Amino acid sequence: MASRITLTKQRSAGFTLVELMIATALGVLGTAAVLSYIVFSAHSCNALDNYFDLNLKTQLAVDQMSQQIRQVQNLTAYSTTNLTFQDYDGCVLEYNYDPVSQVLTRTKNGVRQTLLTGCNSLQFSLYQRTPLSNTFEAYSTSTSTNAKVIQLSWNCFRSAGEGRTNTEGTASALVVIRDK
């Protein structure tokens, strides 16, 4: 009888092959779920970081351009992708958008500064000071001598890798030239 108790205890001390396979399968599924969560979280953090960075750079560009355009003496040359001003100190201040390289730059005294990269569209528009009757909208103009209000509009993007665009930022601002 004593040998029968010892034999039963020895048999129940280990796992059967089926139990071991089920435990391994559950462990693999649990590990796969945790890894999927980590990969998804990393992609989400990357997308959020791209959005934050693009939003910050867009806002800084709008703020810098608005501040500097308000202080200029006058607009000397204009196209939908280029603005040239006589700055408050008499120097030439230029904003130029290159649609091929998708870059917005600022040039003053021969020093070029990149304001935005990854702009798939950008347009400058000119308006007169006088608003349209019964509205707050200004008259559109195409001559730099009549321009008092400048509209800046652009759309930028950032790629999250793997050839997909995951973040876009749009900005639009109306800037009034104060000294004109």
C-alpha atoms as a PDB file:
ATOM      1  CA  MET A   1       0.000   0.000   0.000  1.00  0.00           C
ATOM      2  CA  ALA A   2       2.876   2.371   0.787  1.00  0.00           C
ATOM      3  CA  SER A   3       4.342   1.854  -2.670  1.00  0.00           C
ATOM      4  CA  ARG A   4       1.009   2.752  -4.256  1.00  0.00           C
ATOM      5  CA  ILE A   5       0.920   6.157  -2.474  1.00  0.00           C
ATOM      6  CA  THR A   6       4.487   6.928  -3.512  1.00  0.00           C
ATOM      7  CA  LEU A   7       3.728   5.976  -7.135  1.00  0.00           C
ATOM      8  CA  THR A   8       0.664   8.261  -7.235  1.00  0.00           C
ATOM      9  CA  LYS A   9       2.645  11.200  -5.802  1.00  0.00           C
ATOM     10  CA  GLN A  10       5.374  10.727  -8.385  1.00  0.00           C
ATOM     11  CA  ARG A  11       2.885  10.707 -11.287  1.00  0.00           C
ATOM     12  CA  SER A  12       1.121  13.905 -10.171  1.00  0.00           C
ATOM     13  CA  ALA A  13       4.334  15.859  -9.589  1.00  0.00           C
ATOM     14  CA  GLY A  14       4.887  16.827 -13.304  1.00  0.00           C
ATOM     15  CA  PHE A  15       2.977  18.230 -16.305  1.00  0.00           C
ATOM     16  CA  THR A  16       1.624  16.172 -19.117  1.00  0.00           C
ATOM     17  CA  LEU A  17       2.608  17.010 -22.680  1.00  0.00           C
ATOM     18  CA  VAL A  18      -0.857  18.465 -23.408  1.00  0.00           C
ATOM     19  CA  GLU A  19      -0.691  20.758 -20.369  1.00  0.00           C
ATOM     20  CA  LEU A  20       2.769  21.940 -21.363  1.00  0.00           C
ATOM     21  CA  MET A  21       1.637  22.688 -24.940  1.00  0.00           C
ATOM     22  CA  ILE A  22      -1.415  24.643 -23.723  1.00  0.00           C
ATOM     23  CA  ALA A  23       0.710  26.666 -21.282  1.00  0.00           C
ATOM     24  CA  THR A  24       3.244  27.420 -24.032  1.00  0.00           C
ATOM     25  CA  ALA A  25       0.488  28.498 -26.459  1.00  0.00           C
ATOM     26  CA  LEU A  26      -1.055  30.814 -23.848  1.00  0.00           C
ATOM     27  CA  GLY A  27       2.372  32.279 -23.082  1.00  0.00           C
ATOM     28  CA  VAL A  28       3.027  32.939 -26.780  1.00  0.00           C
ATOM     29  CA  LEU A  29      -0.401  34.584 -27.214  1.00  0.00           C
ATOM     30  CA  GLY A  30       0.171  36.772 -24.144  1.00  0.00           C
ATOM     31  CA  THR A  31       3.614  37.809 -25.377  1.00  0.00           C
ATOM     32  CA  ALA A  32       2.231  38.567 -28.863  1.00  0.00           C
ATOM     33  CA  ALA A  33      -0.521  40.734 -27.341  1.00  0.00           C
ATOM     34  CA  VAL A  34       1.982  42.699 -25.250  1.00  0.00           C
ATOM     35  CA  LEU A  35       4.318  43.188 -28.232  1.00  0.00           C
ATOM     36  CA  SER A  36       1.413  44.337 -30.441  1.00  0.00           C
ATOM     37  CA  TYR A  37       0.454  46.874 -27.791  1.00  0.00           C
ATOM     38  CA  ILE A  38       4.031  48.147 -27.582  1.00  0.00           C
ATOM     39  CA  VAL A  39       4.307  48.502 -31.383  1.00  0.00           C
ATOM     40  CA  PHE A  40       0.931  50.271 -31.594  1.00  0.00           C
ATOM     41  CA  SER A  41       1.908  52.611 -28.762  1.00  0.00           C
ATOM     42  CA  ALA A  42       5.225  53.417 -30.447  1.00  0.00           C
ATOM     43  CA  HIS A  43       3.437  54.318 -33.717  1.00  0.00           C
ATOM     44  CA  SER A  44       0.943  56.455 -31.821  1.00  0.00           C
ATOM     45  CA  CYS A  45       3.711  58.272 -29.952  1.00  0.00           C
ATOM     46  CA  ASN A  46       5.578  58.849 -33.228  1.00  0.00           C
ATOM     47  CA  ALA A  47       2.454  60.294 -34.853  1.00  0.00           C
ATOM     48  CA  LEU A  48       1.790  62.512 -31.840  1.00  0.00           C
ATOM     49  CA  ASP A  49       5.400  63.705 -31.805  1.00  0.00           C
ATOM     50  CA  ASN A  50       5.206  64.517 -35.548  1.00  0.00           C
ATOM     51  CA  TYR A  51       1.978  66.438 -35.048  1.00  0.00           C
ATOM     52  CA  PHE A  52       3.364  68.377 -32.084  1.00  0.00           C
ATOM     53  CA  ASP A  53       6.583  69.269 -33.920  1.00  0.00           C
ATOM     54  CA  LEU A  54       4.751  70.327 -37.090  1.00  0.00           C
ATOM     55  CA  ASN A  55       2.227  72.383 -35.125  1.00  0.00           C
ATOM     56  CA  LEU A  56       5.007  74.107 -33.185  1.00  0.00           C
ATOM     57  CA  LYS A  57       7.010  74.978 -36.300  1.00  0.00           C
ATOM     58  CA  THR A  58       3.907  76.193 -38.131  1.00  0.00           C
ATOM     59  CA  GLN A  59       2.909  78.426 -35.231  1.00  0.00           C
ATOM     60  CA  LEU A  60       6.434  79.817 -34.890  1.00  0.00           C
ATOM     61  CA  ALA A  61       6.548  80.605 -38.627  1.00  0.00           C
ATOM     62  CA  VAL A  62       3.165  82.371 -38.507  1.00  0.00           C
ATOM     63  CA  ASP A  63       4.175  84.363 -35.431  1.00  0.00           C
ATOM     64  CA  GLN A  64       7.562  85.376 -36.835  1.00  0.00           C
ATOM     65  CA  MET A  65       6.181  86.347 -40.241  1.00  0.00           C
ATOM     66  CA  SER A  66       3.250  88.276 -38.742  1.00  0.00           C
ATOM     67  CA  GLN A  67       5.489  90.218 -36.397  1.00  0.00           C
ATOM     68  CA  GLN A  68       7.977  91.132 -39.115  1.00  0.00           C
ATOM     69  CA  ILE A  69       5.414  91.948 -41.826  1.00  0.00           C
ATOM     70  CA  ARG A  70       3.571  94.316 -39.474  1.00  0.00           C
ATOM     71  CA  GLN A  71       6.776  96.357 -39.053  1.00  0.00           C
ATOM     72  CA  VAL A  72       7.772  96.742 -42.721  1.00  0.00           C
ATOM     73  CA  GLN A  73       7.646 100.079 -44.505  1.00  0.00           C
ATOM     74  CA  ASN A  74       6.122  98.764 -47.712  1.00  0.00           C
ATOM     75  CA  LEU A  75       5.752  95.824 -50.066  1.00  0.00           C
ATOM     76  CA  THR A  76       8.040  96.221 -53.079  1.00  0.00           C
ATOM     77  CA  ALA A  77       7.420  93.005 -55.066  1.00  0.00           C
ATOM     78  CA  TYR A  78       4.796  90.291 -54.995  1.00  0.00           C
ATOM     79  CA  SER A  79       3.889  86.931 -56.443  1.00  0.00           C
ATOM     80  CA  THR A  80       1.746  84.162 -54.983  1.00  0.00           C
ATOM     81  CA  THR A  81       4.929  82.459 -53.725  1.00  0.00           C
ATOM     82  CA  ASN A  82       7.192  85.445 -53.037  1.00  0.00           C
ATOM     83  CA  LEU A  83       6.967  88.624 -50.963  1.00  0.00           C
ATOM     84  CA  THR A  84       9.660  91.311 -50.977  1.00  0.00           C
ATOM     85  CA  PHE A  85       9.505  94.186 -48.505  1.00  0.00           C
ATOM     86  CA  GLN A  86      11.445  97.245 -47.529  1.00  0.00           C
ATOM     87  CA  ASP A  87      11.904  96.519 -43.850  1.00  0.00           C
ATOM     88  CA  TYR A  88      11.656  99.042 -41.007  1.00  0.00           C
ATOM     89  CA  ASP A  89      15.449  99.537 -41.126  1.00  0.00           C
ATOM     90  CA  GLY A  90      15.517 100.116 -44.912  1.00  0.00           C
ATOM     91  CA  CYS A  91      16.896  96.636 -45.717  1.00  0.00           C
ATOM     92  CA  VAL A  92      15.254  94.153 -48.065  1.00  0.00           C
ATOM     93  CA  LEU A  93      13.195  91.426 -46.391  1.00  0.00           C
ATOM     94  CA  GLU A  94      12.044  88.544 -48.576  1.00  0.00           C
ATOM     95  CA  TYR A  95       9.845  85.500 -48.030  1.00  0.00           C
ATOM     96  CA  ASN A  96      10.105  82.882 -50.737  1.00  0.00           C
ATOM     97  CA  TYR A  97       8.334  79.560 -51.205  1.00  0.00           C
ATOM     98  CA  ASP A  98       9.927  76.978 -53.495  1.00  0.00           C
ATOM     99  CA  PRO A  99       7.245  74.469 -54.579  1.00  0.00           C
ATOM    100  CA  VAL A 100       9.840  72.001 -55.892  1.00  0.00           C
ATOM    101  CA  SER A 101      11.744  71.656 -52.619  1.00  0.00           C
ATOM    102  CA  GLN A 102       8.596  72.512 -50.596  1.00  0.00           C
ATOM    103  CA  VAL A 103      10.494  74.993 -48.414  1.00  0.00           C
ATOM    104  CA  LEU A 104       9.549  78.452 -47.125  1.00  0.00           C
ATOM    105  CA  THR A 105      12.558  80.709 -46.511  1.00  0.00           C
ATOM    106  CA  ARG A 106      13.173  84.182 -45.130  1.00  0.00           C
ATOM    107  CA  THR A 107      16.085  86.255 -46.449  1.00  0.00           C
ATOM    108  CA  LYS A 108      17.384  89.490 -44.961  1.00  0.00           C
ATOM    109  CA  ASN A 109      20.814  91.058 -45.515  1.00  0.00           C
ATOM    110  CA  GLY A 110      21.838  87.995 -47.538  1.00  0.00           C
ATOM    111  CA  VAL A 111      21.129  85.638 -44.624  1.00  0.00           C
ATOM    112  CA  ARG A 112      18.686  82.883 -45.561  1.00  0.00           C
ATOM    113  CA  GLN A 113      16.663  81.181 -42.854  1.00  0.00           C
ATOM    114  CA  THR A 114      14.414  78.158 -43.419  1.00  0.00           C
ATOM    115  CA  LEU A 115      11.037  78.713 -41.768  1.00  0.00           C
ATOM    116  CA  LEU A 116       9.132  75.630 -42.938  1.00  0.00           C
ATOM    117  CA  THR A 117       9.875  72.388 -44.728  1.00  0.00           C
ATOM    118  CA  GLY A 118       7.434  69.905 -46.197  1.00  0.00           C
ATOM    119  CA  CYS A 119       4.944  72.509 -47.461  1.00  0.00           C
ATOM    120  CA  ASN A 120       2.934  70.951 -50.245  1.00  0.00           C
ATOM    121  CA  SER A 121       1.091  74.227 -50.859  1.00  0.00           C
ATOM    122  CA  LEU A 122       1.643  77.854 -49.941  1.00  0.00           C
ATOM    123  CA  GLN A 123       0.096  81.050 -51.228  1.00  0.00           C
ATOM    124  CA  PHE A 124       0.374  84.745 -50.469  1.00  0.00           C
ATOM    125  CA  SER A 125      -2.599  87.013 -51.250  1.00  0.00           C
ATOM    126  CA  LEU A 126      -2.882  90.806 -51.170  1.00  0.00           C
ATOM    127  CA  TYR A 127      -5.785  92.947 -50.030  1.00  0.00           C
ATOM    128  CA  GLN A 128      -6.513  96.664 -49.770  1.00  0.00           C
ATOM    129  CA  ARG A 129      -7.307  98.392 -46.517  1.00  0.00           C
ATOM    130  CA  THR A 130     -10.922  99.181 -47.364  1.00  0.00           C
ATOM    131  CA  PRO A 131     -13.374  96.401 -46.457  1.00  0.00           C
ATOM    132  CA  LEU A 132     -16.150  95.258 -48.747  1.00  0.00           C
ATOM    133  CA  SER A 133     -19.466  96.917 -47.895  1.00  0.00           C
ATOM    134  CA  ASN A 134     -21.391  95.256 -45.057  1.00  0.00           C
ATOM    135  CA  THR A 135     -18.578  92.717 -44.432  1.00  0.00           C
ATOM    136  CA  PHE A 136     -15.261  92.460 -42.691  1.00  0.00           C
ATOM    137  CA  GLU A 137     -13.537  91.166 -45.822  1.00  0.00           C
ATOM    138  CA  ALA A 138     -11.080  93.386 -47.664  1.00  0.00           C
ATOM    139  CA  TYR A 139     -10.882  94.115 -51.402  1.00  0.00           C
ATOM    140  CA  SER A 140      -8.454  91.895 -53.235  1.00  0.00           C
ATOM    141  CA  THR A 141      -5.625  93.619 -55.074  1.00  0.00           C
ATOM    142  CA  SER A 142      -2.817  92.420 -57.292  1.00  0.00           C
ATOM    143  CA  THR A 143      -0.534  95.448 -57.047  1.00  0.00           C
ATOM    144  CA  SER A 144       1.980  95.817 -54.272  1.00  0.00           C
ATOM    145  CA  THR A 145       1.438  99.586 -54.009  1.00  0.00           C
ATOM    146  CA  ASN A 146      -2.203  99.127 -52.939  1.00  0.00           C
ATOM    147  CA  ALA A 147      -1.555  96.261 -50.526  1.00  0.00           C
ATOM    148  CA  LYS A 148      -2.278  96.876 -46.865  1.00  0.00           C
ATOM    149  CA  VAL A 149      -3.284  93.346 -45.787  1.00  0.00           C
ATOM    150  CA  ILE A 150      -1.404  90.155 -46.643  1.00  0.00           C
ATOM    151  CA  GLN A 151      -2.866  86.705 -46.291  1.00  0.00           C
ATOM    152  CA  LEU A 152      -0.528  83.801 -45.598  1.00  0.00           C
ATOM    153  CA  SER A 153      -1.922  80.313 -46.292  1.00  0.00           C
ATOM    154  CA  TRP A 154      -0.111  77.001 -46.356  1.00  0.00           C
ATOM    155  CA  ASN A 155      -0.453  73.288 -45.850  1.00  0.00           C
ATOM    156  CA  CYS A 156       2.481  71.225 -44.552  1.00  0.00           C
ATOM    157  CA  PHE A 157       2.942  67.520 -43.938  1.00  0.00           C
ATOM    158  CA  ARG A 158       5.222  65.142 -42.090  1.00  0.00           C
ATOM    159  CA  SER A 159       5.852  61.527 -42.924  1.00  0.00           C
ATOM    160  CA  ALA A 160       5.867  58.862 -40.251  1.00  0.00           C
ATOM    161  CA  GLY A 161       8.055  56.639 -42.374  1.00  0.00           C
ATOM    162  CA  GLU A 162       7.146  53.725 -44.596  1.00  0.00           C
ATOM    163  CA  GLY A 163       6.084  56.207 -47.287  1.00  0.00           C
ATOM    164  CA  ARG A 164       2.903  57.398 -45.554  1.00  0.00           C
ATOM    165  CA  THR A 165       1.948  60.874 -44.510  1.00  0.00           C
ATOM    166  CA  ASN A 166       0.426  60.868 -41.089  1.00  0.00           C
ATOM    167  CA  THR A 167       0.456  64.495 -40.002  1.00  0.00           C
ATOM    168  CA  GLU A 168      -0.746  67.624 -41.745  1.00  0.00           C
ATOM    169  CA  GLY A 169      -0.811  71.195 -40.566  1.00  0.00           C
ATOM    170  CA  THR A 170      -2.696  74.079 -42.131  1.00  0.00           C
ATOM    171  CA  ALA A 171      -2.152  77.726 -41.321  1.00  0.00           C
ATOM    172  CA  SER A 172      -3.784  80.902 -42.495  1.00  0.00           C
ATOM    173  CA  ALA A 173      -3.319  84.425 -41.215  1.00  0.00           C
ATOM    174  CA  LEU A 174      -4.200  87.955 -42.247  1.00  0.00           C
ATOM    175  CA  VAL A 175      -1.419  90.429 -41.480  1.00  0.00           C
ATOM    176  CA  VAL A 176      -1.861  94.197 -41.629  1.00  0.00           C
ATOM    177  CA  ILE A 177       1.126  96.360 -42.585  1.00  0.00           C
ATOM    178  CA  ARG A 178       1.037  99.011 -39.860  1.00  0.00           C
ATOM    179  CA  ASP A 179       3.218 101.726 -41.348  1.00  0.00           C
ATOM    180  CA  LYS A 180       1.408 101.886 -44.671  1.00  0.00           C
END
